[in-house]
Amino acid sequence: MNTKKEDLFKSDDQFRTLFEHSHDAMIISNREKEILLVNAAAERIFGYKENELIGKSILELMPEDKRSSYDNDMSEALKDKVVTNRDNSKDFFGKRKNGEIFPIELTFTGWNSKNR
């Protein structure tokens, strides 16, 4: 196996380890706010299983009365092709599967991907 492929596999393994073992909820979505991947902490905190979230809008994890405002905030934060060293953390509220509303800090980080 060539070095670039080995580095890619090593990088993927490191990402997966960090992602899956984080105590913080991590949710990866595309620019359309469609959920692509969630970690175990997100499942625990929000009360959903991964298969219940994949393909849904990330806005579904937020209170209905705040979705429009949050949608605008997220779109503004992610308007650049790559989110850089700006303050991209916002205090929002999340909504658990059982309907409970709770405070969350949402951090926007982005990158370009050939696939998404």
N, C-alpha and C. Protein backbone atom coordinates (compact mmCIF):
# COMPACT_ATOMS: atom_id res chain seq x y z
N MET A 1 0.86 -1.18 0.00
CA MET A 1 0.00 0.00 0.00
C MET A 1 0.90 1.24 0.00
N ASN A 2 0.55 2.23 -0.83
CA ASN A 2 1.40 3.41 -0.88
C ASN A 2 1.16 4.30 0.34
N THR A 3 2.08 5.22 0.58
CA THR A 3 2.04 6.08 1.77
C THR A 3 0.79 6.93 1.82
N LYS A 4 0.34 7.49 0.69
CA LYS A 4 -0.86 8.33 0.70
C LYS A 4 -2.09 7.54 1.14
N LYS A 5 -2.23 6.33 0.66
CA LYS A 5 -3.36 5.50 1.07
C LYS A 5 -3.25 5.16 2.55
N GLU A 6 -2.06 4.81 3.00
CA GLU A 6 -1.86 4.49 4.42
C GLU A 6 -2.21 5.69 5.29
N ASP A 7 -1.77 6.88 4.86
CA ASP A 7 -2.07 8.10 5.61
C ASP A 7 -3.57 8.37 5.65
N LEU A 8 -4.24 8.12 4.54
CA LEU A 8 -5.69 8.32 4.48
C LEU A 8 -6.40 7.38 5.44
N PHE A 9 -6.04 6.10 5.43
CA PHE A 9 -6.67 5.14 6.34
C PHE A 9 -6.37 5.49 7.79
N LYS A 10 -5.14 5.90 8.07
CA LYS A 10 -4.77 6.28 9.43
C LYS A 10 -5.57 7.50 9.86
N SER A 11 -5.70 8.47 8.98
CA SER A 11 -6.47 9.68 9.27
C SER A 11 -7.92 9.33 9.53
N ASP A 12 -8.51 8.46 8.71
CA ASP A 12 -9.90 8.05 8.88
C ASP A 12 -10.09 7.35 10.21
N ASP A 13 -9.16 6.48 10.58
CA ASP A 13 -9.25 5.79 11.87
C ASP A 13 -9.16 6.77 13.03
N GLN A 14 -8.27 7.75 12.92
CA GLN A 14 -8.14 8.75 13.98
C GLN A 14 -9.41 9.57 14.10
N PHE A 15 -9.98 9.98 12.98
CA PHE A 15 -11.23 10.74 12.99
C PHE A 15 -12.33 9.92 13.67
N ARG A 16 -12.50 8.69 13.25
CA ARG A 16 -13.56 7.83 13.79
C ARG A 16 -13.39 7.65 15.31
N THR A 17 -12.15 7.47 15.75
CA THR A 17 -11.90 7.30 17.19
C THR A 17 -12.29 8.56 17.95
N LEU A 18 -11.84 9.71 17.48
CA LEU A 18 -12.20 10.97 18.14
C LEU A 18 -13.70 11.20 18.11
N PHE A 19 -14.29 10.98 16.96
CA PHE A 19 -15.72 11.22 16.77
C PHE A 19 -16.56 10.33 17.68
N GLU A 20 -16.29 9.06 17.68
CA GLU A 20 -17.11 8.11 18.43
C GLU A 20 -16.88 8.17 19.93
N HIS A 21 -15.71 8.58 20.38
CA HIS A 21 -15.41 8.57 21.81
C HIS A 21 -15.53 9.94 22.47
N SER A 22 -15.95 10.93 21.74
CA SER A 22 -16.14 12.26 22.31
C SER A 22 -17.31 12.25 23.29
N HIS A 23 -17.17 12.96 24.38
CA HIS A 23 -18.27 13.11 25.34
C HIS A 23 -19.23 14.21 24.89
N ASP A 24 -18.82 15.00 23.91
CA ASP A 24 -19.67 16.05 23.34
C ASP A 24 -20.44 15.49 22.16
N ALA A 25 -21.67 15.95 22.02
CA ALA A 25 -22.45 15.56 20.85
C ALA A 25 -21.79 16.14 19.61
N MET A 26 -21.61 15.31 18.62
CA MET A 26 -21.07 15.75 17.34
C MET A 26 -22.03 15.29 16.25
N ILE A 27 -22.47 16.26 15.46
CA ILE A 27 -23.40 15.99 14.37
C ILE A 27 -22.82 16.61 13.11
N ILE A 28 -22.67 15.81 12.10
CA ILE A 28 -22.14 16.30 10.83
C ILE A 28 -23.29 16.42 9.86
N SER A 29 -23.40 17.61 9.27
CA SER A 29 -24.45 17.85 8.28
C SER A 29 -23.83 18.52 7.06
N ASN A 30 -24.57 18.52 5.99
CA ASN A 30 -24.12 19.23 4.79
C ASN A 30 -24.66 20.66 4.81
N ARG A 31 -24.37 21.42 3.77
CA ARG A 31 -24.81 22.82 3.71
C ARG A 31 -26.33 22.96 3.69
N GLU A 32 -27.01 21.92 3.30
CA GLU A 32 -28.48 21.93 3.29
C GLU A 32 -29.03 21.56 4.67
N LYS A 33 -28.13 21.37 5.62
CA LYS A 33 -28.46 21.04 7.02
C LYS A 33 -29.03 19.63 7.18
N GLU A 34 -28.77 18.78 6.22
CA GLU A 34 -29.17 17.37 6.29
C GLU A 34 -28.13 16.62 7.12
N ILE A 35 -28.59 15.91 8.13
CA ILE A 35 -27.69 15.17 9.02
C ILE A 35 -27.09 13.98 8.27
N LEU A 36 -25.76 13.90 8.30
CA LEU A 36 -25.04 12.83 7.62
C LEU A 36 -24.48 11.80 8.59
N LEU A 37 -24.11 12.25 9.81
CA LEU A 37 -23.45 11.38 10.76
C LEU A 37 -23.63 11.95 12.17
N VAL A 38 -23.87 11.09 13.13
CA VAL A 38 -23.96 11.50 14.54
C VAL A 38 -23.12 10.55 15.38
N ASN A 39 -22.60 11.04 16.50
CA ASN A 39 -21.84 10.16 17.37
C ASN A 39 -22.72 9.66 18.51
N ALA A 40 -22.15 8.77 19.33
CA ALA A 40 -22.91 8.16 20.43
C ALA A 40 -23.36 9.21 21.44
N ALA A 41 -22.55 10.23 21.69
CA ALA A 41 -22.94 11.28 22.64
C ALA A 41 -24.17 12.03 22.14
N ALA A 42 -24.26 12.28 20.85
CA ALA A 42 -25.44 12.95 20.29
C ALA A 42 -26.67 12.07 20.47
N GLU A 43 -26.51 10.78 20.26
CA GLU A 43 -27.64 9.86 20.47
C GLU A 43 -28.10 9.93 21.92
N ARG A 44 -27.16 9.89 22.85
CA ARG A 44 -27.48 9.91 24.27
C ARG A 44 -28.13 11.24 24.68
N ILE A 45 -27.56 12.35 24.26
CA ILE A 45 -28.02 13.67 24.66
C ILE A 45 -29.39 14.00 24.07
N PHE A 46 -29.58 13.68 22.79
CA PHE A 46 -30.84 14.04 22.12
C PHE A 46 -31.90 12.94 22.21
N GLY A 47 -31.49 11.71 22.55
CA GLY A 47 -32.45 10.64 22.74
C GLY A 47 -32.87 9.90 21.49
N TYR A 48 -32.19 10.13 20.40
CA TYR A 48 -32.48 9.45 19.13
C TYR A 48 -31.39 8.44 18.82
N LYS A 49 -31.73 7.44 18.06
CA LYS A 49 -30.73 6.54 17.48
C LYS A 49 -30.25 7.15 16.17
N GLU A 50 -29.04 6.80 15.78
CA GLU A 50 -28.45 7.37 14.56
C GLU A 50 -29.39 7.22 13.36
N ASN A 51 -29.99 6.04 13.19
CA ASN A 51 -30.83 5.82 12.01
C ASN A 51 -32.09 6.67 12.01
N GLU A 52 -32.47 7.22 13.15
CA GLU A 52 -33.62 8.13 13.22
C GLU A 52 -33.24 9.55 12.77
N LEU A 53 -31.95 9.86 12.78
CA LEU A 53 -31.49 11.21 12.47
C LEU A 53 -30.91 11.37 11.07
N ILE A 54 -30.27 10.33 10.56
CA ILE A 54 -29.61 10.42 9.26
C ILE A 54 -30.64 10.82 8.20
N GLY A 55 -30.30 11.87 7.45
CA GLY A 55 -31.18 12.35 6.39
C GLY A 55 -32.18 13.41 6.84
N LYS A 56 -32.33 13.58 8.14
CA LYS A 56 -33.25 14.61 8.66
C LYS A 56 -32.54 15.96 8.69
N SER A 57 -33.30 17.02 8.81
CA SER A 57 -32.72 18.35 8.97
C SER A 57 -32.21 18.52 10.40
N ILE A 58 -31.05 19.11 10.54
CA ILE A 58 -30.51 19.38 11.86
C ILE A 58 -31.44 20.30 12.65
N LEU A 59 -32.25 21.06 11.93
CA LEU A 59 -33.19 21.97 12.59
C LEU A 59 -34.25 21.22 13.38
N GLU A 60 -34.46 19.94 13.08
CA GLU A 60 -35.43 19.14 13.83
C GLU A 60 -34.98 18.90 15.26
N LEU A 61 -33.70 19.17 15.55
CA LEU A 61 -33.18 19.02 16.91
C LEU A 61 -33.27 20.32 17.70
N MET A 62 -34.03 21.26 17.17
CA MET A 62 -34.18 22.56 17.80
C MET A 62 -35.66 22.88 17.98
N PRO A 63 -35.99 23.70 18.99
CA PRO A 63 -37.40 24.03 19.22
C PRO A 63 -38.02 24.69 17.99
N GLU A 64 -39.27 24.34 17.71
CA GLU A 64 -39.96 24.83 16.52
C GLU A 64 -39.96 26.36 16.43
N ASP A 65 -40.16 27.04 17.56
CA ASP A 65 -40.25 28.50 17.55
C ASP A 65 -38.92 29.20 17.32
N LYS A 66 -37.82 28.45 17.33
CA LYS A 66 -36.49 29.03 17.13
C LYS A 66 -35.87 28.62 15.79
N ARG A 67 -36.49 27.70 15.07
CA ARG A 67 -35.87 27.13 13.87
C ARG A 67 -35.55 28.16 12.80
N SER A 68 -36.43 29.07 12.53
CA SER A 68 -36.20 30.07 11.49
C SER A 68 -34.98 30.93 11.82
N SER A 69 -34.93 31.38 13.05
CA SER A 69 -33.80 32.21 13.49
C SER A 69 -32.49 31.41 13.45
N TYR A 70 -32.53 30.16 13.94
CA TYR A 70 -31.35 29.32 13.93
C TYR A 70 -30.91 28.99 12.51
N ASP A 71 -31.87 28.79 11.64
CA ASP A 71 -31.57 28.51 10.23
C ASP A 71 -30.78 29.67 9.63
N ASN A 72 -31.23 30.89 9.90
CA ASN A 72 -30.52 32.08 9.41
C ASN A 72 -29.13 32.17 10.00
N ASP A 73 -28.99 31.93 11.31
CA ASP A 73 -27.68 31.99 11.96
C ASP A 73 -26.72 30.96 11.37
N MET A 74 -27.22 29.75 11.15
CA MET A 74 -26.35 28.71 10.58
C MET A 74 -25.95 29.03 9.15
N SER A 75 -26.89 29.50 8.38
CA SER A 75 -26.58 29.86 6.99
C SER A 75 -25.54 30.96 6.93
N GLU A 76 -25.66 31.94 7.81
CA GLU A 76 -24.69 33.04 7.85
C GLU A 76 -23.31 32.54 8.26
N ALA A 77 -23.27 31.67 9.26
CA ALA A 77 -21.98 31.15 9.73
C ALA A 77 -21.29 30.30 8.68
N LEU A 78 -22.07 29.63 7.85
CA LEU A 78 -21.50 28.69 6.88
C LEU A 78 -21.49 29.23 5.45
N LYS A 79 -21.67 30.54 5.29
CA LYS A 79 -21.76 31.08 3.94
C LYS A 79 -20.46 30.99 3.16
N ASP A 80 -19.33 30.98 3.84
CA ASP A 80 -18.06 30.80 3.16
C ASP A 80 -17.86 29.34 2.82
N LYS A 81 -17.02 29.08 1.84
CA LYS A 81 -16.78 27.69 1.46
C LYS A 81 -16.09 26.91 2.56
N VAL A 82 -15.21 27.57 3.29
CA VAL A 82 -14.54 26.94 4.42
C VAL A 82 -14.68 27.89 5.60
N VAL A 83 -15.18 27.37 6.72
CA VAL A 83 -15.29 28.19 7.92
C VAL A 83 -13.89 28.33 8.50
N THR A 84 -13.49 29.57 8.75
CA THR A 84 -12.14 29.82 9.21
C THR A 84 -12.13 30.22 10.68
N ASN A 85 -11.11 30.90 11.10
CA ASN A 85 -10.93 31.24 12.51
C ASN A 85 -11.82 32.38 12.96
N ARG A 86 -13.10 32.26 12.73
CA ARG A 86 -14.06 33.22 13.24
C ARG A 86 -14.71 32.61 14.46
N ASP A 87 -15.39 33.45 15.23
CA ASP A 87 -16.15 32.92 16.36
C ASP A 87 -17.40 32.27 15.81
N ASN A 88 -17.38 30.97 15.74
CA ASN A 88 -18.50 30.23 15.16
C ASN A 88 -19.25 29.41 16.19
N SER A 89 -19.18 29.82 17.45
CA SER A 89 -19.96 29.18 18.49
C SER A 89 -21.14 30.06 18.83
N LYS A 90 -22.29 29.44 19.00
CA LYS A 90 -23.52 30.16 19.32
C LYS A 90 -24.24 29.42 20.43
N ASP A 91 -24.89 30.19 21.30
CA ASP A 91 -25.73 29.60 22.33
C ASP A 91 -27.13 29.44 21.75
N PHE A 92 -27.58 28.20 21.68
CA PHE A 92 -28.88 27.87 21.14
C PHE A 92 -29.63 27.02 22.17
N PHE A 93 -30.77 26.54 21.77
CA PHE A 93 -31.50 25.55 22.55
C PHE A 93 -31.71 24.34 21.65
N GLY A 94 -31.58 23.16 22.25
CA GLY A 94 -31.85 21.92 21.55
C GLY A 94 -33.16 21.34 22.04
N LYS A 95 -33.64 20.35 21.29
CA LYS A 95 -34.89 19.68 21.66
C LYS A 95 -34.66 18.18 21.60
N ARG A 96 -34.84 17.54 22.74
CA ARG A 96 -34.69 16.09 22.81
C ARG A 96 -35.90 15.38 22.19
N LYS A 97 -35.73 14.11 21.93
CA LYS A 97 -36.81 13.31 21.35
C LYS A 97 -38.06 13.36 22.22
N ASN A 98 -37.88 13.44 23.54
CA ASN A 98 -39.02 13.48 24.46
C ASN A 98 -39.65 14.87 24.57
N GLY A 99 -39.14 15.84 23.79
CA GLY A 99 -39.69 17.18 23.77
C GLY A 99 -39.03 18.16 24.72
N GLU A 100 -38.15 17.67 25.59
CA GLU A 100 -37.47 18.54 26.54
C GLU A 100 -36.55 19.53 25.80
N ILE A 101 -36.65 20.79 26.18
CA ILE A 101 -35.80 21.85 25.61
C ILE A 101 -34.63 22.07 26.57
N PHE A 102 -33.43 22.20 26.03
CA PHE A 102 -32.26 22.37 26.88
C PHE A 102 -31.24 23.25 26.16
N PRO A 103 -30.39 23.97 26.92
CA PRO A 103 -29.39 24.84 26.30
C PRO A 103 -28.26 24.04 25.67
N ILE A 104 -27.80 24.51 24.52
CA ILE A 104 -26.65 23.89 23.84
C ILE A 104 -25.73 24.99 23.32
N GLU A 105 -24.48 24.66 23.17
CA GLU A 105 -23.55 25.53 22.47
C GLU A 105 -23.24 24.85 21.16
N LEU A 106 -23.55 25.53 20.06
CA LEU A 106 -23.36 24.98 18.73
C LEU A 106 -22.14 25.63 18.12
N THR A 107 -21.20 24.82 17.68
CA THR A 107 -20.00 25.32 17.02
C THR A 107 -20.03 24.90 15.57
N PHE A 108 -19.84 25.87 14.69
CA PHE A 108 -19.85 25.61 13.25
C PHE A 108 -18.42 25.43 12.77
N THR A 109 -18.18 24.32 12.14
CA THR A 109 -16.90 24.06 11.51
C THR A 109 -17.21 23.47 10.15
N GLY A 110 -16.53 23.92 9.14
CA GLY A 110 -16.83 23.42 7.81
C GLY A 110 -15.59 23.12 7.00
N TRP A 111 -15.81 22.36 5.96
CA TRP A 111 -14.75 22.08 5.00
C TRP A 111 -15.41 21.71 3.68
N ASN A 112 -14.63 21.80 2.65
CA ASN A 112 -15.11 21.36 1.34
C ASN A 112 -14.81 19.89 1.17
N SER A 113 -15.74 19.20 0.58
CA SER A 113 -15.57 17.80 0.29
C SER A 113 -15.99 17.57 -1.15
N LYS A 114 -15.29 16.71 -1.83
CA LYS A 114 -15.66 16.43 -3.22
C LYS A 114 -17.01 15.75 -3.29
N ASN A 115 -17.37 15.01 -2.23
CA ASN A 115 -18.63 14.26 -2.24
C ASN A 115 -19.82 15.07 -1.76
N ARG A 116 -19.63 16.13 -0.97
CA ARG A 116 -20.75 16.87 -0.39
C ARG A 116 -20.52 18.35 -0.49
